[in-house]
Structures are given as C-alpha cells and as structure tokens.
Amino acid sequence: MQELQKHLRFWEKWYRTSKKWNKRKERYTDVPNIWERPESVNQRAEMGHREWDTVVSWKISKWWVVTMLERKSRYYLIKKIGNLEAESTKVTIEAMMKWENIESATFNNWVEFAKIWELGFQCYRADPYSSWQRWWNERSNGLFRVPVPKWSDISTYSNEEIQTIQNSINHKPRKILWYKSPYEVYHNVEMKYL
C-alpha cells in the first residue's frame, strides 16, 4: 500500500489537526443571516446586490485583496489593501463603491467586515465555513488565482496589473449569461469578441 501511494498525485501523509480558535473569525449578532435575504436577491432578479470577500497573500507579505462580485451580472472588482483591520476594509469598500449602486452586501464572518453595515446599505452574513453560499465570488477568486498563484506575494503586483487581471475576468464570456461577458451585462453594452 505504501509503495502504491507514492504514485498518487498527493501521496504525503495526512495529519489530523485540531480546530483552533481564529481571532479573525468572529460572529456578528447585529447583522442578519444569509437565510433572511429576500427571494429577489437569491433569484438574482435585479442588479445592485454584491458579495464581498478577501484573498490572502503570502504569509510574509502584508498585502491582501478585497474582491466584490455583482450577483446578477457576475461583474468582478478587485482592490489591493494594506491590512485587514475593519476600518481600512471599510474605507477600501467605500472607495470601490463610489460609482456603484449597492442595494445589499453579503460577506463572510471574518472580522475585517465588521464595519461594513455602517456604510448604509443592507448587509447579510454567510454561515461559518460555508463558502458555497457565495459560490460565484469564490469561483471568481479562483479565476484571480490563475495569474496570481496561492503562495505569490501580492505586493509585487502593481495596481495596473491587478486592473488587467480584473478586466480579463470581466471580459470572459459566460455560458450562464447567454455567452455574454459580465462587462456587457453590467454596462448594458454589446461587444464583438474575436
């Protein structure tokens, strides 16, 4: 059995680790749960409902990325951030939504999203360890991870490079959008792709 394991893709020994308390993982009781979200938001019937997440950089680096996805059009925004404190995340999100119409926001239980509800729109929090509740945001983060691998240092990427990655994700046609790109659906334009 040990000899056959070496030919597998992941053959290292698996270790069972105990779950430790994570100080970033704190619950908010003042923000409604995702199950209290209206059915129109769940059905993606109208624009303006967003999902937020953070993408972590290499452990040595002190840079992260805040991502936002519009639920109906799957339009994706990315912005670099220097730390994951609640106040700086709130300022970054305020800068991202300057020209955006936001009806509601859904985010996870991480402590960096603790002050979003102060921005004045309806907020909902996902259940702990339930990334499937914000599936399209996680999928777009996976597309972001193709040019920026998991252990790469985000501080080495300039804002122009991050913008280029964001544009390439937003201009990719999707089957679920009838082979239109998120950019076309969000801005209500029609583009010719080669």
Protein backbone atom coordinates (compact mmCIF):
# COMPACT_ATOMS: atom_id res chain seq x y z
CA MET A 1 0.00 0.00 0.00
CA GLN A 2 2.80 2.44 0.89
CA GLU A 3 4.50 1.67 -2.43
CA LEU A 4 1.33 2.46 -4.41
CA GLN A 5 0.73 5.71 -2.53
CA LYS A 6 3.93 7.20 -3.95
CA HIS A 7 2.43 7.11 -7.44
CA LEU A 8 -0.59 9.23 -6.47
CA ARG A 9 -0.75 12.94 -7.15
CA PHE A 10 -0.94 13.78 -3.43
CA TRP A 11 0.76 10.98 -1.56
CA GLU A 12 2.03 12.84 1.51
CA LYS A 13 0.83 11.66 4.89
CA TRP A 14 -2.36 13.36 6.04
CA TYR A 15 -2.36 14.77 9.56
CA ARG A 16 -5.46 15.43 11.52
CA THR A 17 -5.29 18.84 13.15
CA SER A 18 -7.39 20.15 15.95
CA LYS A 19 -9.58 23.15 15.20
CA LYS A 20 -8.11 26.20 16.83
CA TRP A 21 -9.88 29.44 17.55
CA ASN A 22 -9.13 32.00 14.88
CA LYS A 23 -9.21 35.63 16.00
CA ARG A 24 -10.28 36.73 12.50
CA LYS A 25 -13.35 34.50 12.80
CA GLU A 26 -15.83 36.40 14.93
CA ARG A 27 -19.58 36.35 14.63
CA TYR A 28 -21.73 39.44 14.43
CA THR A 29 -25.12 39.28 16.03
CA ASP A 30 -26.27 42.68 14.72
CA VAL A 31 -26.09 41.62 11.03
CA PRO A 32 -28.88 39.36 9.68
CA ASN A 33 -28.05 35.89 8.43
CA ILE A 34 -27.97 34.96 4.74
CA TRP A 35 -31.16 32.90 5.19
CA GLU A 36 -33.07 36.13 5.93
CA ARG A 37 -32.20 37.51 2.49
CA PRO A 38 -35.23 38.31 0.25
CA GLU A 39 -36.08 35.88 -2.55
CA SER A 40 -35.43 38.54 -5.21
CA VAL A 41 -31.78 38.66 -4.10
CA ASN A 42 -31.49 34.86 -4.14
CA GLN A 43 -33.02 34.65 -7.64
CA ARG A 44 -30.69 37.39 -9.00
CA ALA A 45 -33.72 39.28 -10.28
CA GLU A 46 -32.23 42.78 -10.03
CA MET A 47 -28.85 44.49 -10.13
CA GLY A 48 -27.13 46.05 -7.14
CA HIS A 49 -26.64 43.07 -4.81
CA ARG A 50 -22.98 42.35 -4.03
CA GLU A 51 -20.82 39.65 -2.47
CA TRP A 52 -17.56 40.59 -0.73
CA ASP A 53 -14.51 38.52 0.12
CA THR A 54 -10.79 38.83 0.83
CA VAL A 55 -7.94 36.97 -0.87
CA VAL A 56 -4.90 36.41 1.31
CA SER A 57 -1.34 36.88 0.10
CA TRP A 58 1.83 35.03 1.01
CA LYS A 59 2.35 34.72 4.79
CA ILE A 60 5.40 37.01 4.85
CA SER A 61 3.64 39.73 2.83
CA LYS A 62 1.31 42.22 4.48
CA TRP A 63 -0.88 42.79 1.41
CA TRP A 64 -4.33 41.40 0.69
CA VAL A 65 -7.00 41.86 -1.95
CA VAL A 66 -10.64 42.81 -1.38
CA THR A 67 -12.97 41.40 -4.05
CA MET A 68 -16.54 42.33 -4.92
CA LEU A 69 -18.94 40.49 -7.22
CA GLU A 70 -22.27 41.78 -8.52
CA ARG A 71 -24.70 38.87 -8.23
CA LYS A 72 -26.78 39.24 -11.41
CA SER A 73 -24.10 40.21 -13.95
CA ARG A 74 -21.16 38.46 -12.20
CA TYR A 75 -19.19 41.71 -12.61
CA TYR A 76 -16.00 41.46 -10.52
CA LEU A 77 -13.94 44.21 -8.85
CA ILE A 78 -10.53 43.81 -7.17
CA LYS A 79 -8.62 46.25 -4.94
CA LYS A 80 -5.37 45.86 -3.01
CA ILE A 81 -5.39 46.58 0.72
CA GLY A 82 -2.52 47.02 3.17
CA ASN A 83 -4.07 45.40 6.25
CA LEU A 84 -7.20 43.56 7.28
CA GLU A 85 -8.41 45.90 10.00
CA ALA A 86 -12.13 46.65 9.92
CA GLU A 87 -11.66 50.40 9.43
CA SER A 88 -9.27 50.11 6.47
CA THR A 89 -11.52 47.49 4.85
CA LYS A 90 -14.46 49.84 5.26
CA VAL A 91 -12.51 52.71 3.61
CA THR A 92 -11.44 50.42 0.73
CA ILE A 93 -15.01 49.24 0.16
CA GLU A 94 -16.23 52.85 0.28
CA ALA A 95 -13.73 53.71 -2.48
CA MET A 96 -14.80 50.69 -4.55
CA MET A 97 -18.50 51.56 -4.37
CA LYS A 98 -18.11 55.28 -5.15
CA TRP A 99 -19.75 54.96 -8.59
CA GLU A 100 -21.72 51.80 -7.86
CA ASN A 101 -25.36 51.36 -6.90
CA ILE A 102 -25.41 48.95 -3.95
CA GLU A 103 -28.66 47.57 -2.59
CA SER A 104 -27.26 44.82 -0.34
CA ALA A 105 -23.99 43.11 0.52
CA THR A 106 -23.27 39.53 1.53
CA PHE A 107 -20.00 38.66 3.23
CA ASN A 108 -18.49 36.01 5.46
CA ASN A 109 -17.88 36.12 9.21
CA TRP A 110 -14.34 37.44 9.12
CA VAL A 111 -13.69 40.33 11.46
CA GLU A 112 -12.49 42.68 8.68
CA PHE A 113 -16.11 43.09 7.54
CA ALA A 114 -17.31 44.21 10.98
CA LYS A 115 -17.92 47.85 9.97
CA ILE A 116 -19.50 47.43 6.52
CA TRP A 117 -23.02 47.86 7.86
CA GLU A 118 -22.06 51.46 8.83
CA LEU A 119 -21.96 52.35 5.10
CA GLY A 120 -25.75 52.46 4.97
CA PHE A 121 -26.89 49.50 2.84
CA GLN A 122 -28.47 46.20 3.85
CA CYS A 123 -25.89 43.58 4.89
CA TYR A 124 -26.13 39.80 5.26
CA ARG A 125 -23.54 37.43 6.68
CA ALA A 126 -22.89 33.90 5.44
CA ASP A 127 -22.65 30.95 7.81
CA PRO A 128 -19.18 30.00 9.10
CA TYR A 129 -17.24 27.59 6.85
CA SER A 130 -19.95 27.84 4.15
CA SER A 131 -18.17 29.28 1.12
CA TRP A 132 -20.77 27.60 -1.12
CA GLN A 133 -23.24 30.31 -0.06
CA ARG A 134 -21.16 32.85 -2.03
CA TRP A 135 -20.19 30.44 -4.78
CA TRP A 136 -19.73 32.86 -7.68
CA ASN A 137 -17.46 35.09 -5.63
CA GLU A 138 -15.32 32.09 -4.69
CA ARG A 139 -15.24 30.97 -8.34
CA SER A 140 -14.09 34.41 -9.46
CA ASN A 141 -11.42 34.34 -6.76
CA GLY A 142 -10.29 31.06 -8.32
CA LEU A 143 -10.00 32.82 -11.70
CA PHE A 144 -7.95 35.53 -9.97
CA ARG A 145 -5.68 32.79 -8.58
CA VAL A 146 -4.70 31.62 -12.10
CA PRO A 147 -2.35 34.59 -12.83
CA VAL A 148 -1.72 35.17 -9.08
CA PRO A 149 -0.92 31.76 -7.55
CA LYS A 150 -1.75 31.00 -3.94
CA TRP A 151 1.72 31.49 -2.42
CA SER A 152 2.68 34.51 -4.53
CA ASP A 153 3.32 37.92 -2.99
CA ILE A 154 0.51 40.35 -3.93
CA SER A 155 2.73 43.35 -3.07
CA THR A 156 4.86 42.57 -6.16
CA TYR A 157 1.82 43.17 -8.41
CA SER A 158 1.14 46.77 -9.38
CA ASN A 159 -2.33 48.31 -9.46
CA GLU A 160 -2.18 48.28 -13.28
CA GLU A 161 -1.51 44.52 -13.29
CA ILE A 162 -4.40 43.94 -10.87
CA GLN A 163 -6.62 46.06 -13.15
CA THR A 164 -5.55 43.98 -16.17
CA ILE A 165 -6.45 40.75 -14.34
CA GLN A 166 -9.82 42.24 -13.36
CA ASN A 167 -10.52 43.24 -16.98
CA SER A 168 -9.63 39.79 -18.31
CA ILE A 169 -12.07 38.17 -15.84
CA ASN A 170 -14.85 40.65 -16.66
CA HIS A 171 -14.44 40.25 -20.45
CA LYS A 172 -14.64 36.46 -20.40
CA PRO A 173 -17.97 35.28 -21.94
CA ARG A 174 -20.04 33.03 -19.66
CA LYS A 175 -22.49 30.33 -20.64
CA ILE A 176 -24.84 31.28 -17.78
CA LEU A 177 -25.06 34.83 -19.23
CA TRP A 178 -26.00 33.51 -22.70
CA TYR A 179 -22.36 33.79 -23.80
CA LYS A 180 -22.13 37.45 -22.89
CA SER A 181 -19.36 38.76 -20.69
CA PRO A 182 -20.05 40.24 -17.23
CA TYR A 183 -18.87 43.60 -18.58
CA GLU A 184 -21.56 43.54 -21.31
CA VAL A 185 -24.34 42.59 -18.89
CA TYR A 186 -23.30 45.07 -16.20
CA HIS A 187 -22.85 48.06 -18.52
CA ASN A 188 -25.65 47.01 -20.89
CA VAL A 189 -23.47 47.17 -23.99
CA GLU A 190 -22.73 44.72 -26.80
CA MET A 191 -19.15 43.96 -27.76
CA LYS A 192 -17.65 41.91 -30.56
CA TYR A 193 -15.20 39.29 -29.30
CA LEU A 194 -12.87 37.51 -31.72
